Each structure stands twice: as C-alpha cells, then as structure tokens.
N, C-alpha and C. Protein backbone atom coordinates (compact mmCIF):
# COMPACT_ATOMS: atom_id res chain seq x y z
N MET A 1 -70.69 94.85 44.53
CA MET A 1 -71.49 95.69 43.69
C MET A 1 -72.05 96.83 44.54
N VAL A 2 -71.83 98.05 44.13
CA VAL A 2 -72.35 99.22 44.83
C VAL A 2 -73.77 99.46 44.32
N PHE A 3 -74.69 99.68 45.23
CA PHE A 3 -76.07 99.97 44.87
C PHE A 3 -76.25 101.48 44.76
N TYR A 4 -77.15 101.90 43.87
CA TYR A 4 -77.52 103.31 43.83
C TYR A 4 -79.01 103.41 43.56
N PHE A 5 -79.60 104.49 44.02
CA PHE A 5 -81.02 104.69 43.83
C PHE A 5 -81.34 106.17 43.93
N LYS A 6 -82.43 106.57 43.30
CA LYS A 6 -82.88 107.96 43.31
C LYS A 6 -83.77 108.20 44.52
N VAL A 7 -83.64 109.41 45.05
CA VAL A 7 -84.46 109.83 46.19
C VAL A 7 -85.85 110.19 45.67
N GLN A 8 -86.86 110.09 46.53
CA GLN A 8 -88.24 110.42 46.18
C GLN A 8 -88.28 111.80 45.49
N PRO A 9 -89.08 111.94 44.44
CA PRO A 9 -89.12 113.22 43.71
C PRO A 9 -89.40 114.44 44.58
N GLU A 10 -90.23 114.31 45.60
CA GLU A 10 -90.54 115.47 46.46
C GLU A 10 -89.34 115.91 47.28
N ALA A 11 -88.32 115.05 47.42
CA ALA A 11 -87.12 115.40 48.18
C ALA A 11 -86.09 116.11 47.30
N GLY A 12 -86.29 116.12 46.00
CA GLY A 12 -85.34 116.73 45.09
C GLY A 12 -84.71 115.68 44.19
N ASP A 13 -83.86 116.14 43.32
CA ASP A 13 -83.22 115.26 42.34
C ASP A 13 -81.84 114.86 42.85
N TYR A 14 -81.80 113.86 43.71
CA TYR A 14 -80.55 113.40 44.31
C TYR A 14 -80.39 111.91 44.08
N THR A 15 -79.14 111.46 44.12
CA THR A 15 -78.85 110.04 43.99
C THR A 15 -78.13 109.58 45.24
N ASN A 16 -78.51 108.43 45.74
CA ASN A 16 -77.84 107.80 46.89
C ASN A 16 -77.04 106.61 46.38
N PHE A 17 -75.85 106.44 46.94
CA PHE A 17 -75.01 105.28 46.66
C PHE A 17 -74.81 104.53 47.97
N MET A 18 -74.85 103.21 47.93
CA MET A 18 -74.74 102.43 49.14
C MET A 18 -73.71 101.33 48.98
N GLY A 19 -72.77 101.25 49.91
CA GLY A 19 -71.80 100.17 49.96
C GLY A 19 -72.09 99.28 51.14
N LEU A 20 -72.03 97.97 50.94
CA LEU A 20 -72.39 97.03 51.99
C LEU A 20 -71.22 96.47 52.77
N ASP A 21 -70.00 96.66 52.25
CA ASP A 21 -68.83 96.18 52.98
C ASP A 21 -67.66 97.13 52.76
N LYS A 22 -66.52 96.83 53.37
CA LYS A 22 -65.40 97.77 53.30
C LYS A 22 -64.87 97.93 51.88
N TYR A 23 -64.98 96.91 51.05
CA TYR A 23 -64.49 96.99 49.68
C TYR A 23 -65.37 97.93 48.84
N GLU A 24 -66.67 97.81 49.00
CA GLU A 24 -67.58 98.69 48.29
C GLU A 24 -67.46 100.12 48.79
N ASN A 25 -67.26 100.29 50.09
CA ASN A 25 -67.08 101.63 50.65
C ASN A 25 -65.82 102.29 50.12
N GLU A 26 -64.75 101.51 49.94
CA GLU A 26 -63.51 102.05 49.37
C GLU A 26 -63.74 102.53 47.94
N GLU A 27 -64.55 101.80 47.16
CA GLU A 27 -64.88 102.24 45.81
C GLU A 27 -65.66 103.55 45.85
N LEU A 28 -66.59 103.66 46.77
CA LEU A 28 -67.36 104.90 46.90
C LEU A 28 -66.47 106.07 47.23
N ILE A 29 -65.55 105.88 48.15
CA ILE A 29 -64.64 106.95 48.54
C ILE A 29 -63.75 107.35 47.36
N LYS A 30 -63.28 106.35 46.62
CA LYS A 30 -62.37 106.60 45.51
C LYS A 30 -63.03 107.46 44.43
N TYR A 31 -64.30 107.24 44.17
CA TYR A 31 -64.99 107.95 43.10
C TYR A 31 -65.96 109.01 43.63
N GLY A 32 -65.86 109.32 44.92
CA GLY A 32 -66.76 110.31 45.51
C GLY A 32 -66.37 111.73 45.14
N PHE A 33 -67.33 112.63 45.33
CA PHE A 33 -67.12 114.06 45.11
C PHE A 33 -67.02 114.77 46.45
N MET A 34 -66.42 115.94 46.44
CA MET A 34 -66.33 116.73 47.67
C MET A 34 -67.71 117.10 48.20
N GLU A 35 -68.70 117.21 47.33
CA GLU A 35 -70.06 117.57 47.73
C GLU A 35 -70.84 116.43 48.36
N ASP A 36 -70.34 115.19 48.22
CA ASP A 36 -71.06 114.03 48.77
C ASP A 36 -71.10 114.10 50.30
N ILE A 37 -72.23 113.68 50.83
CA ILE A 37 -72.40 113.55 52.27
C ILE A 37 -72.57 112.07 52.56
N TRP A 38 -71.79 111.55 53.52
CA TRP A 38 -71.88 110.12 53.80
C TRP A 38 -72.45 109.88 55.19
N PHE A 39 -73.16 108.77 55.30
CA PHE A 39 -73.81 108.35 56.54
C PHE A 39 -73.43 106.91 56.82
N HIS A 40 -73.27 106.57 58.08
CA HIS A 40 -73.10 105.18 58.48
C HIS A 40 -74.45 104.67 58.96
N VAL A 41 -74.87 103.52 58.47
CA VAL A 41 -76.16 102.96 58.83
C VAL A 41 -76.02 102.27 60.19
N ASP A 42 -76.82 102.69 61.15
CA ASP A 42 -76.77 102.14 62.49
C ASP A 42 -77.18 100.67 62.50
N LYS A 43 -76.47 99.88 63.28
CA LYS A 43 -76.76 98.47 63.51
C LYS A 43 -76.61 97.60 62.27
N MET A 44 -75.86 98.08 61.28
CA MET A 44 -75.51 97.28 60.11
C MET A 44 -74.00 97.41 59.91
N SER A 45 -73.30 96.33 59.98
CA SER A 45 -71.85 96.36 59.90
C SER A 45 -71.36 96.87 58.55
N SER A 46 -70.53 97.90 58.57
CA SER A 46 -69.83 98.43 57.39
C SER A 46 -70.73 98.99 56.30
N THR A 47 -71.95 99.34 56.59
CA THR A 47 -72.81 99.91 55.57
C THR A 47 -72.75 101.43 55.58
N TYR A 48 -72.45 101.99 54.43
CA TYR A 48 -72.39 103.44 54.28
C TYR A 48 -73.32 103.85 53.14
N ILE A 49 -73.92 105.04 53.31
CA ILE A 49 -74.74 105.63 52.26
C ILE A 49 -74.16 107.00 51.95
N TYR A 50 -73.96 107.27 50.67
CA TYR A 50 -73.45 108.54 50.21
C TYR A 50 -74.55 109.26 49.46
N LEU A 51 -74.83 110.48 49.89
CA LEU A 51 -75.82 111.31 49.22
C LEU A 51 -75.08 112.21 48.25
N ARG A 52 -75.35 112.07 46.97
CA ARG A 52 -74.69 112.86 45.94
C ARG A 52 -75.45 114.16 45.79
N LEU A 53 -74.82 115.28 46.18
CA LEU A 53 -75.41 116.60 46.02
C LEU A 53 -74.98 117.19 44.68
N LYS A 54 -75.71 118.17 44.23
CA LYS A 54 -75.33 118.86 42.98
C LYS A 54 -74.10 119.70 43.21
N LYS A 55 -73.26 119.83 42.21
CA LYS A 55 -72.04 120.63 42.34
C LYS A 55 -72.41 122.06 42.66
N GLY A 56 -71.61 122.66 43.54
CA GLY A 56 -71.82 124.06 43.91
C GLY A 56 -72.81 124.18 45.01
C-alpha cells in the first residue's frame, strides 16, 4: 500500500507519496508525473518519497 499525505498548509498545496519497498516504489514510478521530485530516505531500506508538484 502506497501512503500519501498533504504537506503543511504554509508550505503550499502539495501531496507527498511514499513507498516502503521496491514493489510500492515501482507503482509510484509507473503512475508518476514528469513534475514529481523523488527523494530516498536515508537509513531506511528502499523508502522513497515523491513530491507531487503542480503541472507547469
């Protein structure tokens, strides 16, 4: 199950998606947008966070 959550309102209207293993990360990549920015979480095996930016 891929987790998603909204960023604090003062940071803007963005959504983060988080995959906890390689299978969830593959789902994120498959449905990701070109505008998404991804991060690898340090010291956590296979955890990625994708920041969904607005189009354009």
